[in-house]
Amino acid sequence: MTRKLKVSLFSSLAVLGLGAGLLAAAPVYAATTDTSSSSDSTTTATTTSSDSTSSSSAVTTQSTTTSAEFDTSPNATISLDTAPNISFGKNVTPNGKTNGSYFAVSADNPVEVSNPGLGSGWNVQLKNTPFTDATGDTLGGAQLTLGTPEVAAANTGNPSAAPVATNSPLNGTGTTQIVLAAPAKGGLGIWDSEYSLANINLTVPAGQVSGIYSSTLTWQLSDTPQ
C-alpha cells in the first residue's frame, strides 16, 4: 500500500506597529546670584522650562491559512493482521458429579485490524467448529467464551471512534457472531483487541472421552459497519 502525502504551507508577515514616544526637555538653568559691591543689594533669577509630546500605538493583524492534503491509495484495503491461537492445556476428563470449566493458559496474539484510511467502517465476525479429536470424537455440549477484549489503538492519541467489542459464546455450530465493530469513519489506523486469559473459558459437561480436542476458529473481516 502506498500513500501520497502533500503538504502546502503559506508564509506571510504579520506586522505589529508601535508609535514612537518622544520626550524632549529644555535645558534647566541653575539659579544664579549677582552680588554687587554694595552689601545691601542682592538679585536672584531662576528660569525653568519643559516640553513633552504624547505617545501613541497601533496594532495591525493579518489572517492566513495552511493546508494539508492526505491521499489514500485506491488499492488500499482494510486487513485482519493477527488473531489468537488459544490453549487450555492438559486437564482431567470431566466425568464426575460436576461439569468441567477450564480457563485458557495461553493466547498468543491480539485481534489486530489495520485501516489505512478508508471511512467505510468494518466488523470482525467469529465462528468455530466442534471440539474434535483425531479419532473423530467430540466434546458434546462444549461452549467457548472469549470474554470482551480490551480494545486499544496501536498508537497514542488516535482520534477516530474505537471499535466496539462484544462477548459472544461459541457452541461449535458454525453460527457467526460479531465480536468487533467500527462505525463509518471510525476504526482508522491500527487497532488491537486483547483477550484476557482470565476471561477465556471453556465449559464441558461431564461425560466425555479422554483425548486431545481442537476447534477451528474462523475470524472474518468485512469492510462494512454494523
Protein backbone atom coordinates (compact mmCIF):
# COMPACT_ATOMS: atom_id res chain seq x y z
CA MET A 1 0.00 0.00 0.00
CA THR A 2 1.36 3.36 -0.98
CA ARG A 3 0.26 6.65 0.39
CA LYS A 4 0.91 10.07 -1.06
CA LEU A 5 1.36 12.97 1.30
CA LYS A 6 1.29 16.53 0.14
CA VAL A 7 1.66 19.50 2.44
CA SER A 8 1.36 23.11 1.29
CA LEU A 9 2.37 25.89 3.64
CA PHE A 10 1.78 29.59 3.01
CA SER A 11 4.04 32.01 4.85
CA SER A 12 3.38 35.69 5.37
CA LEU A 13 4.45 38.53 7.54
CA ALA A 14 2.44 39.80 10.47
CA VAL A 15 3.29 43.34 11.39
CA LEU A 16 2.99 44.98 14.76
CA GLY A 17 3.46 48.75 14.67
CA LEU A 18 4.13 50.80 17.76
CA GLY A 19 4.21 54.62 17.71
CA ALA A 20 7.49 56.12 18.89
CA GLY A 21 7.23 58.18 22.06
CA LEU A 22 9.35 61.25 22.20
CA LEU A 23 10.21 63.14 25.31
CA ALA A 24 12.16 66.40 24.95
CA ALA A 25 13.20 68.61 27.79
CA ALA A 26 14.62 72.12 27.51
CA PRO A 27 17.75 72.86 29.45
CA VAL A 28 17.25 73.72 33.07
CA TYR A 29 19.38 76.55 34.28
CA ALA A 30 20.57 76.68 37.81
CA ALA A 31 19.82 79.68 39.94
CA THR A 32 22.34 82.47 39.63
CA THR A 33 23.29 85.06 42.14
CA ASP A 34 24.62 88.51 41.27
CA THR A 35 26.25 90.26 44.08
CA SER A 36 27.23 93.92 43.73
CA SER A 37 29.87 95.59 45.59
CA SER A 38 27.27 97.06 47.87
CA SER A 39 26.36 94.86 50.82
CA ASP A 40 22.67 95.91 50.78
CA SER A 41 21.79 94.85 47.17
CA THR A 42 21.33 91.18 46.03
CA THR A 43 19.49 89.93 42.90
CA THR A 44 18.49 86.26 42.27
CA ALA A 45 16.96 84.96 39.00
CA THR A 46 15.72 81.38 38.26
CA THR A 47 14.41 80.20 34.88
CA THR A 48 12.96 76.70 34.07
CA SER A 49 11.05 75.34 31.13
CA SER A 50 9.89 71.90 29.87
CA ASP A 51 8.08 70.41 26.88
CA SER A 52 6.81 66.89 26.07
CA THR A 53 4.87 65.07 23.37
CA SER A 54 2.31 62.26 23.88
CA SER A 55 2.90 58.71 22.57
CA SER A 56 0.51 56.60 20.50
CA SER A 57 0.34 52.92 19.37
CA ALA A 58 -1.40 50.90 16.63
CA VAL A 59 -1.80 47.12 16.09
CA THR A 60 -2.13 45.52 12.66
CA THR A 61 -3.13 41.84 12.18
CA GLN A 62 -3.40 39.56 9.19
CA SER A 63 -5.17 36.19 8.83
CA THR A 64 -3.53 33.41 6.83
CA THR A 65 -4.25 29.72 6.20
CA THR A 66 -2.30 26.47 5.97
CA SER A 67 -3.46 23.35 4.16
CA ALA A 68 -2.57 19.66 4.21
CA GLU A 69 -3.64 17.02 1.71
CA PHE A 70 -3.66 13.30 2.58
CA ASP A 71 -4.34 10.71 -0.12
CA THR A 72 -5.09 7.02 0.35
CA SER A 73 -4.07 4.60 -2.37
CA PRO A 74 -7.02 3.42 -4.49
CA ASN A 75 -5.73 -0.11 -3.88
CA ALA A 76 -5.73 0.25 -0.10
CA THR A 77 -7.73 -2.32 1.89
CA ILE A 78 -8.66 -2.91 5.50
CA SER A 79 -6.87 -6.02 6.74
CA LEU A 80 -7.09 -8.51 9.58
CA ASP A 81 -3.44 -8.96 10.59
CA THR A 82 -3.50 -11.37 13.55
CA ALA A 83 -5.89 -13.46 15.66
CA PRO A 84 -5.22 -15.61 18.74
CA ASN A 85 -4.43 -19.30 18.96
CA ILE A 86 -5.75 -20.48 22.31
CA SER A 87 -4.66 -23.39 24.52
CA PHE A 88 -6.39 -24.80 27.62
CA GLY A 89 -3.53 -27.13 28.46
CA LYS A 90 -3.87 -30.69 29.87
CA ASN A 91 -6.78 -31.41 32.19
CA VAL A 92 -8.62 -34.30 33.85
CA THR A 93 -11.53 -35.63 31.81
CA PRO A 94 -14.80 -34.31 33.31
CA ASN A 95 -16.66 -37.43 34.38
CA GLY A 96 -17.61 -36.63 37.97
CA LYS A 97 -20.67 -35.08 39.58
CA THR A 98 -19.82 -31.60 38.28
CA ASN A 99 -19.23 -30.25 34.81
CA GLY A 100 -15.81 -29.07 33.72
CA SER A 101 -14.84 -25.40 33.46
CA TYR A 102 -11.40 -24.54 32.11
CA PHE A 103 -9.56 -21.26 31.61
CA ALA A 104 -7.01 -20.63 28.89
CA VAL A 105 -3.32 -20.93 29.67
CA SER A 106 -2.18 -19.10 26.53
CA ALA A 107 -3.48 -16.81 23.78
CA ASP A 108 -0.63 -15.75 21.55
CA ASN A 109 -1.96 -12.76 19.57
CA PRO A 110 -4.48 -9.96 19.76
CA VAL A 111 -7.08 -9.47 17.07
CA GLU A 112 -5.38 -6.75 15.03
CA VAL A 113 -7.11 -4.77 12.29
CA SER A 114 -5.33 -2.22 10.08
CA ASN A 115 -7.28 0.50 8.31
CA PRO A 116 -5.14 2.71 6.01
CA GLY A 117 -7.73 5.47 5.88
CA LEU A 118 -10.97 4.05 4.48
CA GLY A 119 -14.11 5.52 6.03
CA SER A 120 -16.42 2.60 5.26
CA GLY A 121 -16.35 1.16 8.77
CA TRP A 122 -15.68 -2.54 9.42
CA ASN A 123 -16.54 -5.52 11.58
CA VAL A 124 -14.99 -8.82 12.62
CA GLN A 125 -17.16 -11.91 12.88
CA LEU A 126 -16.24 -15.20 14.53
CA LYS A 127 -17.42 -18.80 14.37
CA ASN A 128 -15.96 -22.14 15.44
CA THR A 129 -16.18 -25.86 14.72
CA PRO A 130 -16.91 -28.50 17.39
CA PHE A 131 -14.03 -29.60 19.62
CA THR A 132 -12.92 -32.84 17.94
CA ASP A 133 -10.05 -35.26 18.50
CA ALA A 134 -8.01 -37.25 15.97
CA THR A 135 -10.42 -40.21 16.10
CA GLY A 136 -13.46 -38.04 15.40
CA ASP A 137 -14.84 -37.93 18.95
CA THR A 138 -16.26 -34.56 20.01
CA LEU A 139 -16.75 -32.74 23.29
CA GLY A 140 -20.51 -32.83 23.40
CA GLY A 141 -22.12 -29.66 24.74
CA ALA A 142 -18.84 -27.73 24.97
CA GLN A 143 -19.14 -23.95 24.88
CA LEU A 144 -16.30 -21.49 24.34
CA THR A 145 -16.45 -17.97 25.72
CA LEU A 146 -13.69 -15.47 24.95
CA GLY A 147 -14.98 -12.59 27.04
CA THR A 148 -14.89 -8.95 25.98
CA PRO A 149 -11.42 -7.95 24.80
CA GLU A 150 -9.59 -4.77 25.73
CA VAL A 151 -9.55 -2.58 22.62
CA ALA A 152 -6.80 -0.01 22.08
CA ALA A 153 -5.17 1.83 19.20
CA ALA A 154 -1.61 0.82 18.44
CA ASN A 155 -0.58 4.49 18.59
CA THR A 156 -1.12 7.13 21.27
CA GLY A 157 -3.89 9.66 20.76
CA ASN A 158 -5.77 8.05 17.87
CA PRO A 159 -8.83 10.38 17.49
CA SER A 160 -11.08 8.09 15.44
CA ALA A 161 -14.00 6.25 17.03
CA ALA A 162 -12.83 3.00 18.61
CA PRO A 163 -14.27 -0.35 17.56
CA VAL A 164 -16.88 -1.76 19.94
CA ALA A 165 -16.23 -5.26 21.27
CA THR A 166 -18.87 -7.79 22.33
CA ASN A 167 -18.78 -11.09 24.19
CA SER A 168 -20.43 -13.84 22.15
CA PRO A 169 -20.33 -17.50 23.29
CA LEU A 170 -19.40 -20.08 20.63
CA ASN A 171 -21.01 -23.51 20.68
CA GLY A 172 -19.40 -25.10 17.63
CA THR A 173 -22.48 -24.94 15.42
CA GLY A 174 -20.81 -22.62 12.90
CA THR A 175 -23.07 -19.71 13.79
CA THR A 176 -21.26 -16.41 13.11
CA GLN A 177 -21.00 -13.86 15.91
CA ILE A 178 -19.91 -10.23 15.62
CA VAL A 179 -17.06 -9.64 18.06
CA LEU A 180 -15.77 -6.22 16.87
CA ALA A 181 -17.49 -3.40 15.01
CA ALA A 182 -16.20 0.02 13.91
CA PRO A 183 -18.64 2.68 12.67
CA ALA A 184 -18.32 4.60 9.43
CA LYS A 185 -15.26 6.87 9.59
CA GLY A 186 -14.21 5.01 12.74
CA GLY A 187 -11.60 2.36 13.45
CA LEU A 188 -8.98 4.21 11.41
CA GLY A 189 -5.37 3.25 11.90
CA ILE A 190 -4.29 0.04 13.66
CA TRP A 191 -6.44 -1.39 16.47
CA ASP A 192 -5.58 -4.29 18.79
CA SER A 193 -8.17 -6.27 20.75
CA GLU A 194 -6.54 -8.27 23.54
CA TYR A 195 -8.37 -11.19 25.17
CA SER A 196 -7.57 -11.83 28.83
CA LEU A 197 -6.69 -15.39 29.86
CA ALA A 198 -8.88 -14.91 32.92
CA ASN A 199 -11.91 -14.42 30.63
CA ILE A 200 -11.32 -17.15 28.03
CA ASN A 201 -13.35 -20.07 29.33
CA LEU A 202 -14.35 -23.50 28.01
CA THR A 203 -17.24 -25.27 29.76
CA VAL A 204 -17.66 -29.01 29.16
CA PRO A 205 -20.45 -31.18 30.56
CA ALA A 206 -19.33 -34.28 32.43
CA GLY A 207 -19.45 -37.48 30.39
CA GLN A 208 -16.58 -37.20 27.92
CA VAL A 209 -13.97 -39.49 26.35
CA SER A 210 -10.35 -38.54 27.01
CA GLY A 211 -8.36 -37.17 24.10
CA ILE A 212 -6.77 -34.05 22.61
CA TYR A 213 -9.59 -31.93 21.21
CA SER A 214 -9.31 -28.92 18.96
CA SER A 215 -11.69 -26.43 17.44
CA THR A 216 -11.05 -24.21 14.43
CA LEU A 217 -11.91 -20.54 14.98
CA THR A 218 -12.66 -18.57 11.83
CA TRP A 219 -12.29 -14.80 12.06
CA GLN A 220 -13.91 -12.93 9.18
CA LEU A 221 -13.32 -9.25 8.40
CA SER A 222 -15.92 -7.24 6.47
CA ASP A 223 -15.44 -3.61 5.43
CA THR A 224 -18.95 -2.59 6.43
CA PRO A 225 -20.17 -1.16 9.74
CA GLN A 226 -22.69 -2.95 11.96
